[in-house]
N, C-alpha and C. Protein backbone atom coordinates (compact mmCIF):
# COMPACT_ATOMS: atom_id res chain seq x y z
N MET A 1 -50.25 9.36 -3.11
CA MET A 1 -51.46 9.55 -2.35
C MET A 1 -52.43 8.40 -2.64
N GLN A 2 -52.94 7.78 -1.61
CA GLN A 2 -53.83 6.63 -1.74
C GLN A 2 -55.28 7.07 -1.80
N ALA A 3 -56.04 6.45 -2.70
CA ALA A 3 -57.47 6.74 -2.79
C ALA A 3 -58.19 6.10 -1.61
N THR A 4 -59.19 6.77 -1.12
CA THR A 4 -59.98 6.23 -0.02
C THR A 4 -60.96 5.20 -0.56
N VAL A 5 -60.96 4.05 0.05
CA VAL A 5 -61.86 2.98 -0.35
C VAL A 5 -63.13 3.08 0.49
N LYS A 6 -64.24 3.07 -0.18
CA LYS A 6 -65.52 3.16 0.52
C LYS A 6 -65.81 1.83 1.22
N LEU A 7 -66.07 1.90 2.50
CA LEU A 7 -66.40 0.70 3.27
C LEU A 7 -67.77 0.18 2.87
N LEU A 8 -68.00 -1.08 3.12
CA LEU A 8 -69.30 -1.67 2.82
C LEU A 8 -70.33 -1.18 3.84
N SER A 9 -71.52 -0.93 3.34
CA SER A 9 -72.62 -0.55 4.23
C SER A 9 -73.04 -1.78 5.03
N PRO A 10 -73.79 -1.60 6.10
CA PRO A 10 -74.28 -2.78 6.85
C PRO A 10 -75.07 -3.74 5.96
N LEU A 11 -75.88 -3.22 5.04
CA LEU A 11 -76.64 -4.07 4.13
C LEU A 11 -75.70 -4.84 3.20
N GLU A 12 -74.72 -4.14 2.62
CA GLU A 12 -73.76 -4.79 1.73
C GLU A 12 -72.94 -5.84 2.47
N LEU A 13 -72.50 -5.48 3.67
CA LEU A 13 -71.71 -6.41 4.47
C LEU A 13 -72.53 -7.64 4.85
N GLY A 14 -73.79 -7.42 5.22
CA GLY A 14 -74.66 -8.55 5.56
C GLY A 14 -74.87 -9.48 4.38
N ALA A 15 -75.08 -8.92 3.19
CA ALA A 15 -75.27 -9.74 1.98
C ALA A 15 -74.00 -10.53 1.66
N TRP A 16 -72.86 -9.86 1.73
CA TRP A 16 -71.59 -10.51 1.39
C TRP A 16 -71.25 -11.60 2.40
N ARG A 17 -71.31 -11.27 3.69
CA ARG A 17 -70.98 -12.26 4.72
C ARG A 17 -71.99 -13.41 4.73
N GLY A 18 -73.24 -13.09 4.45
CA GLY A 18 -74.25 -14.15 4.38
C GLY A 18 -73.93 -15.14 3.28
N LEU A 19 -73.53 -14.63 2.12
CA LEU A 19 -73.14 -15.52 1.02
C LEU A 19 -71.97 -16.40 1.44
N LEU A 20 -70.94 -15.80 2.01
CA LEU A 20 -69.75 -16.56 2.39
C LEU A 20 -70.06 -17.61 3.45
N ARG A 21 -70.82 -17.22 4.49
CA ARG A 21 -71.16 -18.17 5.56
C ARG A 21 -72.04 -19.31 5.03
N SER A 22 -73.05 -18.95 4.25
CA SER A 22 -73.95 -19.97 3.72
C SER A 22 -73.21 -20.95 2.82
N HIS A 23 -72.41 -20.42 1.92
CA HIS A 23 -71.64 -21.27 1.01
C HIS A 23 -70.72 -22.20 1.79
N ALA A 24 -69.97 -21.65 2.74
CA ALA A 24 -69.03 -22.46 3.51
C ALA A 24 -69.75 -23.56 4.29
N ALA A 25 -70.86 -23.22 4.92
CA ALA A 25 -71.59 -24.20 5.73
C ALA A 25 -72.17 -25.31 4.86
N ILE A 26 -72.80 -24.94 3.77
CA ILE A 26 -73.42 -25.95 2.90
C ILE A 26 -72.36 -26.84 2.28
N VAL A 27 -71.28 -26.26 1.78
CA VAL A 27 -70.20 -27.06 1.17
C VAL A 27 -69.59 -28.00 2.21
N ARG A 28 -69.34 -27.50 3.40
CA ARG A 28 -68.77 -28.34 4.47
C ARG A 28 -69.68 -29.53 4.78
N GLU A 29 -70.98 -29.27 4.89
CA GLU A 29 -71.92 -30.35 5.21
C GLU A 29 -72.04 -31.35 4.07
N LEU A 30 -72.13 -30.87 2.83
CA LEU A 30 -72.23 -31.78 1.69
C LEU A 30 -70.96 -32.61 1.55
N ASP A 31 -69.82 -31.98 1.75
CA ASP A 31 -68.54 -32.68 1.66
C ASP A 31 -68.45 -33.78 2.73
N ALA A 32 -68.84 -33.45 3.95
CA ALA A 32 -68.79 -34.43 5.05
C ALA A 32 -69.71 -35.61 4.77
N GLN A 33 -70.90 -35.33 4.24
CA GLN A 33 -71.84 -36.41 3.93
C GLN A 33 -71.28 -37.34 2.85
N LEU A 34 -70.75 -36.76 1.78
CA LEU A 34 -70.21 -37.57 0.69
C LEU A 34 -69.01 -38.39 1.17
N GLU A 35 -68.15 -37.79 1.99
CA GLU A 35 -66.99 -38.52 2.52
C GLU A 35 -67.44 -39.68 3.40
N ALA A 36 -68.39 -39.41 4.29
CA ALA A 36 -68.83 -40.44 5.23
C ALA A 36 -69.54 -41.60 4.53
N ARG A 37 -70.35 -41.29 3.56
CA ARG A 37 -71.17 -42.34 2.92
C ARG A 37 -70.51 -43.01 1.72
N HIS A 38 -69.61 -42.26 1.04
CA HIS A 38 -69.07 -42.80 -0.21
C HIS A 38 -67.55 -42.68 -0.33
N GLY A 39 -66.89 -42.09 0.68
CA GLY A 39 -65.45 -41.91 0.60
C GLY A 39 -65.04 -40.96 -0.51
N LEU A 40 -65.88 -39.99 -0.79
CA LEU A 40 -65.69 -39.10 -1.94
C LEU A 40 -65.83 -37.65 -1.49
N SER A 41 -64.85 -36.82 -1.84
CA SER A 41 -64.97 -35.40 -1.51
C SER A 41 -65.98 -34.74 -2.46
N LEU A 42 -66.46 -33.58 -2.08
CA LEU A 42 -67.40 -32.85 -2.93
C LEU A 42 -66.74 -32.48 -4.26
N THR A 43 -65.46 -32.13 -4.23
CA THR A 43 -64.75 -31.79 -5.46
C THR A 43 -64.61 -33.02 -6.36
N ALA A 44 -64.31 -34.17 -5.78
CA ALA A 44 -64.22 -35.40 -6.57
C ALA A 44 -65.58 -35.76 -7.15
N TYR A 45 -66.64 -35.57 -6.36
CA TYR A 45 -67.99 -35.81 -6.85
C TYR A 45 -68.27 -34.91 -8.06
N GLU A 46 -67.89 -33.65 -7.97
CA GLU A 46 -68.13 -32.73 -9.08
C GLU A 46 -67.39 -33.18 -10.34
N VAL A 47 -66.18 -33.69 -10.19
CA VAL A 47 -65.43 -34.19 -11.35
C VAL A 47 -66.16 -35.38 -11.96
N LEU A 48 -66.64 -36.29 -11.13
CA LEU A 48 -67.40 -37.44 -11.66
C LEU A 48 -68.68 -36.96 -12.36
N LEU A 49 -69.34 -35.96 -11.79
CA LEU A 49 -70.54 -35.38 -12.41
C LEU A 49 -70.21 -34.79 -13.78
N LEU A 50 -69.15 -34.00 -13.86
CA LEU A 50 -68.77 -33.38 -15.13
C LEU A 50 -68.45 -34.44 -16.18
N LEU A 51 -67.77 -35.50 -15.78
CA LEU A 51 -67.46 -36.58 -16.72
C LEU A 51 -68.71 -37.34 -17.11
N HIS A 52 -69.60 -37.57 -16.16
CA HIS A 52 -70.86 -38.26 -16.43
C HIS A 52 -71.67 -37.51 -17.49
N GLU A 53 -71.67 -36.19 -17.42
CA GLU A 53 -72.47 -35.36 -18.33
C GLU A 53 -71.79 -35.13 -19.68
N ALA A 54 -70.51 -35.40 -19.78
CA ALA A 54 -69.74 -35.11 -20.99
C ALA A 54 -69.99 -36.16 -22.08
N PRO A 55 -69.88 -35.74 -23.34
CA PRO A 55 -69.97 -36.72 -24.44
C PRO A 55 -68.90 -37.80 -24.25
N ALA A 56 -69.30 -39.03 -24.44
CA ALA A 56 -68.41 -40.19 -24.28
C ALA A 56 -67.85 -40.28 -22.86
N ARG A 57 -68.45 -39.52 -21.94
CA ARG A 57 -68.05 -39.52 -20.53
C ARG A 57 -66.56 -39.23 -20.34
N ARG A 58 -66.06 -38.29 -21.15
CA ARG A 58 -64.66 -37.89 -21.01
C ARG A 58 -64.50 -36.42 -21.39
N LEU A 59 -63.48 -35.81 -20.77
CA LEU A 59 -63.13 -34.42 -21.05
C LEU A 59 -61.61 -34.29 -21.04
N ARG A 60 -61.12 -33.33 -21.82
CA ARG A 60 -59.70 -33.01 -21.75
C ARG A 60 -59.42 -32.49 -20.34
N MET A 61 -58.24 -32.78 -19.86
CA MET A 61 -57.87 -32.38 -18.50
C MET A 61 -57.99 -30.88 -18.31
N SER A 62 -57.57 -30.11 -19.29
CA SER A 62 -57.63 -28.65 -19.17
C SER A 62 -59.08 -28.16 -19.10
N GLU A 63 -59.96 -28.75 -19.88
CA GLU A 63 -61.37 -28.37 -19.85
C GLU A 63 -62.02 -28.79 -18.53
N LEU A 64 -61.66 -29.96 -18.05
CA LEU A 64 -62.18 -30.45 -16.77
C LEU A 64 -61.76 -29.52 -15.63
N ALA A 65 -60.51 -29.11 -15.64
CA ALA A 65 -60.01 -28.18 -14.61
C ALA A 65 -60.76 -26.86 -14.67
N GLU A 66 -60.97 -26.36 -15.87
CA GLU A 66 -61.68 -25.08 -16.02
C GLU A 66 -63.12 -25.18 -15.53
N ARG A 67 -63.80 -26.24 -15.90
CA ARG A 67 -65.19 -26.41 -15.48
C ARG A 67 -65.33 -26.61 -13.98
N ALA A 68 -64.36 -27.28 -13.38
CA ALA A 68 -64.41 -27.55 -11.94
C ALA A 68 -63.79 -26.42 -11.11
N LEU A 69 -63.32 -25.39 -11.79
CA LEU A 69 -62.69 -24.23 -11.12
C LEU A 69 -61.47 -24.64 -10.30
N LEU A 70 -60.65 -25.52 -10.88
CA LEU A 70 -59.40 -25.95 -10.26
C LEU A 70 -58.24 -25.60 -11.18
N SER A 71 -57.06 -25.47 -10.60
CA SER A 71 -55.86 -25.30 -11.43
C SER A 71 -55.60 -26.62 -12.14
N LEU A 72 -54.85 -26.57 -13.21
CA LEU A 72 -54.52 -27.80 -13.93
C LEU A 72 -53.72 -28.76 -13.05
N SER A 73 -52.82 -28.21 -12.24
CA SER A 73 -52.04 -29.09 -11.34
C SER A 73 -52.94 -29.70 -10.26
N GLY A 74 -53.90 -28.92 -9.75
CA GLY A 74 -54.84 -29.45 -8.77
C GLY A 74 -55.71 -30.54 -9.37
N MET A 75 -56.14 -30.33 -10.62
CA MET A 75 -56.95 -31.35 -11.30
C MET A 75 -56.12 -32.59 -11.55
N THR A 76 -54.86 -32.41 -11.93
CA THR A 76 -53.99 -33.56 -12.18
C THR A 76 -53.87 -34.42 -10.92
N ARG A 77 -53.66 -33.78 -9.77
CA ARG A 77 -53.55 -34.53 -8.51
C ARG A 77 -54.85 -35.25 -8.18
N LEU A 78 -55.97 -34.57 -8.38
CA LEU A 78 -57.27 -35.19 -8.10
C LEU A 78 -57.53 -36.36 -9.03
N VAL A 79 -57.27 -36.19 -10.31
CA VAL A 79 -57.48 -37.29 -11.27
C VAL A 79 -56.53 -38.44 -10.96
N ASP A 80 -55.33 -38.15 -10.51
CA ASP A 80 -54.41 -39.23 -10.10
C ASP A 80 -55.04 -40.07 -8.99
N ARG A 81 -55.66 -39.41 -8.00
CA ARG A 81 -56.31 -40.15 -6.90
C ARG A 81 -57.52 -40.93 -7.39
N LEU A 82 -58.31 -40.30 -8.26
CA LEU A 82 -59.49 -40.98 -8.79
C LEU A 82 -59.09 -42.17 -9.67
N ALA A 83 -58.01 -42.02 -10.42
CA ALA A 83 -57.52 -43.12 -11.26
C ALA A 83 -56.99 -44.26 -10.40
N ALA A 84 -56.29 -43.93 -9.33
CA ALA A 84 -55.78 -44.97 -8.42
C ALA A 84 -56.92 -45.76 -7.79
N ALA A 85 -58.06 -45.10 -7.60
CA ALA A 85 -59.24 -45.76 -7.05
C ALA A 85 -60.06 -46.48 -8.12
N GLY A 86 -59.65 -46.37 -9.39
CA GLY A 86 -60.35 -47.04 -10.48
C GLY A 86 -61.62 -46.33 -10.94
N LEU A 87 -61.75 -45.05 -10.59
CA LEU A 87 -62.98 -44.32 -10.93
C LEU A 87 -62.87 -43.57 -12.26
N VAL A 88 -61.67 -43.22 -12.65
CA VAL A 88 -61.43 -42.58 -13.95
C VAL A 88 -60.18 -43.19 -14.56
N GLU A 89 -60.06 -43.01 -15.87
CA GLU A 89 -58.84 -43.42 -16.57
C GLU A 89 -58.34 -42.24 -17.37
N ARG A 90 -57.03 -42.19 -17.54
CA ARG A 90 -56.45 -41.19 -18.43
C ARG A 90 -56.34 -41.81 -19.82
N ARG A 91 -56.67 -41.02 -20.81
CA ARG A 91 -56.58 -41.47 -22.20
C ARG A 91 -55.84 -40.42 -23.01
N ARG A 92 -54.96 -40.86 -23.89
CA ARG A 92 -54.28 -39.94 -24.80
C ARG A 92 -55.28 -39.39 -25.80
N CYS A 93 -55.10 -38.16 -26.16
CA CYS A 93 -55.93 -37.51 -27.16
C CYS A 93 -55.37 -37.86 -28.54
N ASP A 94 -56.19 -38.49 -29.39
CA ASP A 94 -55.73 -38.88 -30.73
C ASP A 94 -55.36 -37.68 -31.60
N GLU A 95 -56.11 -36.58 -31.47
CA GLU A 95 -55.88 -35.41 -32.29
C GLU A 95 -54.62 -34.65 -31.87
N ASP A 96 -54.29 -34.69 -30.59
CA ASP A 96 -53.17 -33.95 -30.04
C ASP A 96 -52.46 -34.88 -29.07
N ARG A 97 -51.37 -35.47 -29.50
CA ARG A 97 -50.68 -36.49 -28.69
C ARG A 97 -50.22 -35.97 -27.33
N ARG A 98 -50.13 -34.65 -27.17
CA ARG A 98 -49.74 -34.10 -25.87
C ARG A 98 -50.93 -34.01 -24.93
N GLY A 99 -52.14 -33.98 -25.49
CA GLY A 99 -53.34 -33.81 -24.68
C GLY A 99 -53.77 -35.10 -24.00
N LEU A 100 -54.43 -34.95 -22.86
CA LEU A 100 -54.95 -36.09 -22.12
C LEU A 100 -56.41 -35.88 -21.80
N TYR A 101 -57.15 -36.97 -21.84
CA TYR A 101 -58.53 -36.99 -21.40
C TYR A 101 -58.60 -37.66 -20.04
N ALA A 102 -59.59 -37.27 -19.26
CA ALA A 102 -60.00 -38.04 -18.10
C ALA A 102 -61.33 -38.67 -18.50
N GLU A 103 -61.45 -39.96 -18.30
CA GLU A 103 -62.65 -40.69 -18.73
C GLU A 103 -63.23 -41.47 -17.55
N LEU A 104 -64.53 -41.37 -17.40
CA LEU A 104 -65.23 -42.06 -16.33
C LEU A 104 -65.24 -43.57 -16.59
N THR A 105 -64.87 -44.35 -15.60
CA THR A 105 -64.90 -45.81 -15.73
C THR A 105 -66.27 -46.32 -15.29
N PRO A 106 -66.60 -47.58 -15.59
CA PRO A 106 -67.85 -48.14 -15.07
C PRO A 106 -67.93 -48.07 -13.54
N ALA A 107 -66.82 -48.32 -12.86
CA ALA A 107 -66.82 -48.22 -11.39
C ALA A 107 -67.07 -46.78 -10.95
N GLY A 108 -66.52 -45.82 -11.67
CA GLY A 108 -66.75 -44.41 -11.37
C GLY A 108 -68.20 -44.03 -11.59
N ALA A 109 -68.80 -44.55 -12.67
CA ALA A 109 -70.21 -44.27 -12.97
C ALA A 109 -71.11 -44.87 -11.89
N GLU A 110 -70.75 -46.04 -11.41
CA GLU A 110 -71.54 -46.70 -10.36
C GLU A 110 -71.46 -45.92 -9.04
N LEU A 111 -70.26 -45.51 -8.66
CA LEU A 111 -70.11 -44.73 -7.44
C LEU A 111 -70.81 -43.38 -7.58
N PHE A 112 -70.68 -42.76 -8.74
CA PHE A 112 -71.35 -41.48 -8.98
C PHE A 112 -72.86 -41.63 -8.79
N ALA A 113 -73.46 -42.68 -9.33
CA ALA A 113 -74.91 -42.88 -9.22
C ALA A 113 -75.34 -42.98 -7.76
N ARG A 114 -74.56 -43.69 -6.95
CA ARG A 114 -74.89 -43.80 -5.52
C ARG A 114 -74.69 -42.47 -4.81
N ALA A 115 -73.59 -41.81 -5.10
CA ALA A 115 -73.27 -40.54 -4.43
C ALA A 115 -74.23 -39.44 -4.87
N ARG A 116 -74.74 -39.53 -6.07
CA ARG A 116 -75.65 -38.50 -6.57
C ARG A 116 -76.90 -38.41 -5.70
N GLU A 117 -77.43 -39.55 -5.29
CA GLU A 117 -78.61 -39.55 -4.41
C GLU A 117 -78.31 -38.81 -3.11
N THR A 118 -77.16 -39.09 -2.53
CA THR A 118 -76.76 -38.42 -1.29
C THR A 118 -76.61 -36.92 -1.51
N HIS A 119 -75.94 -36.56 -2.59
CA HIS A 119 -75.70 -35.15 -2.89
C HIS A 119 -77.00 -34.39 -3.12
N LEU A 120 -77.86 -34.93 -3.96
CA LEU A 120 -79.12 -34.25 -4.26
C LEU A 120 -80.00 -34.11 -3.02
N ARG A 121 -80.03 -35.15 -2.20
CA ARG A 121 -80.79 -35.08 -0.95
C ARG A 121 -80.22 -33.98 -0.06
N GLY A 122 -78.90 -33.90 0.04
CA GLY A 122 -78.25 -32.88 0.85
C GLY A 122 -78.52 -31.47 0.33
N VAL A 123 -78.48 -31.28 -0.98
CA VAL A 123 -78.75 -29.97 -1.56
C VAL A 123 -80.19 -29.55 -1.26
N ARG A 124 -81.11 -30.49 -1.39
CA ARG A 124 -82.51 -30.17 -1.08
C ARG A 124 -82.70 -29.82 0.39
N GLU A 125 -82.12 -30.64 1.28
CA GLU A 125 -82.29 -30.43 2.72
C GLU A 125 -81.62 -29.14 3.20
N ARG A 126 -80.42 -28.88 2.74
CA ARG A 126 -79.63 -27.78 3.28
C ARG A 126 -79.80 -26.46 2.56
N PHE A 127 -80.43 -26.49 1.39
CA PHE A 127 -80.57 -25.25 0.63
C PHE A 127 -81.96 -25.07 0.04
N LEU A 128 -82.35 -25.91 -0.89
CA LEU A 128 -83.58 -25.71 -1.66
C LEU A 128 -84.83 -25.68 -0.79
N SER A 129 -84.90 -26.54 0.21
CA SER A 129 -86.11 -26.63 1.04
C SER A 129 -86.32 -25.40 1.92
N ARG A 130 -85.31 -24.58 2.05
CA ARG A 130 -85.39 -23.40 2.91
C ARG A 130 -85.90 -22.16 2.17
N LEU A 131 -86.16 -22.33 0.87
CA LEU A 131 -86.60 -21.21 0.04
C LEU A 131 -87.88 -21.58 -0.70
N SER A 132 -88.72 -20.60 -0.92
CA SER A 132 -89.94 -20.82 -1.69
C SER A 132 -89.59 -20.84 -3.18
N GLU A 133 -90.53 -21.29 -3.99
CA GLU A 133 -90.28 -21.31 -5.44
C GLU A 133 -90.03 -19.91 -5.98
N PRO A 134 -90.83 -18.89 -5.60
CA PRO A 134 -90.52 -17.54 -6.07
C PRO A 134 -89.14 -17.04 -5.61
N GLU A 135 -88.73 -17.42 -4.41
CA GLU A 135 -87.40 -17.03 -3.94
C GLU A 135 -86.31 -17.71 -4.77
N LEU A 136 -86.52 -18.98 -5.09
CA LEU A 136 -85.55 -19.70 -5.92
C LEU A 136 -85.46 -19.08 -7.30
N GLU A 137 -86.61 -18.72 -7.88
CA GLU A 137 -86.61 -18.08 -9.20
C GLU A 137 -85.83 -16.77 -9.15
N ARG A 138 -86.08 -15.97 -8.13
CA ARG A 138 -85.39 -14.68 -7.99
C ARG A 138 -83.90 -14.89 -7.78
N LEU A 139 -83.56 -15.85 -6.94
CA LEU A 139 -82.15 -16.12 -6.67
C LEU A 139 -81.43 -16.59 -7.93
N ALA A 140 -82.07 -17.44 -8.72
CA ALA A 140 -81.46 -17.92 -9.96
C ALA A 140 -81.15 -16.75 -10.89
N VAL A 141 -82.08 -15.80 -10.99
CA VAL A 141 -81.87 -14.61 -11.83
C VAL A 141 -80.70 -13.79 -11.28
N LEU A 142 -80.67 -13.61 -9.97
CA LEU A 142 -79.61 -12.81 -9.35
C LEU A 142 -78.24 -13.46 -9.54
N TRP A 143 -78.15 -14.78 -9.37
CA TRP A 143 -76.87 -15.46 -9.56
C TRP A 143 -76.39 -15.31 -10.99
N GLU A 144 -77.30 -15.38 -11.95
CA GLU A 144 -76.91 -15.18 -13.36
C GLU A 144 -76.34 -13.79 -13.56
N ARG A 145 -76.94 -12.81 -12.92
CA ARG A 145 -76.45 -11.44 -13.05
C ARG A 145 -75.06 -11.31 -12.44
N VAL A 146 -74.86 -11.91 -11.29
CA VAL A 146 -73.55 -11.82 -10.62
C VAL A 146 -72.49 -12.58 -11.42
N ALA A 147 -72.84 -13.75 -11.90
CA ALA A 147 -71.88 -14.56 -12.66
C ALA A 147 -71.57 -13.93 -14.00
């Protein structure tokens, strides 16, 4: 015997679909802007950002994949493309010879700096500017609760 699943109320459905539509639209627009202006996907930009913020501008591949919410194989393919473009380098981990780091190159840091302006402008235009400061404060609290 199957348990009956309670359907979403109109309010719940509106909140859920609103999140999905908003996220998809904003990500699509930010991705298109970064591709057009810098030849960089939003996911690749995020990897460069994570490396830029990391100590010594490098992270273990497994940690980078976890932070970017990608599978290890997906991260490996992305880092392969970024390495071929000269934006990151793979480095062996001295402590664990099986481990690998992805490290931001000077060319990667330069491209990241240019792309960051585009990304931040896009985030402000497509998201932040549409909300008041009290709304942003409330939303930040709510996202923390959901996460």
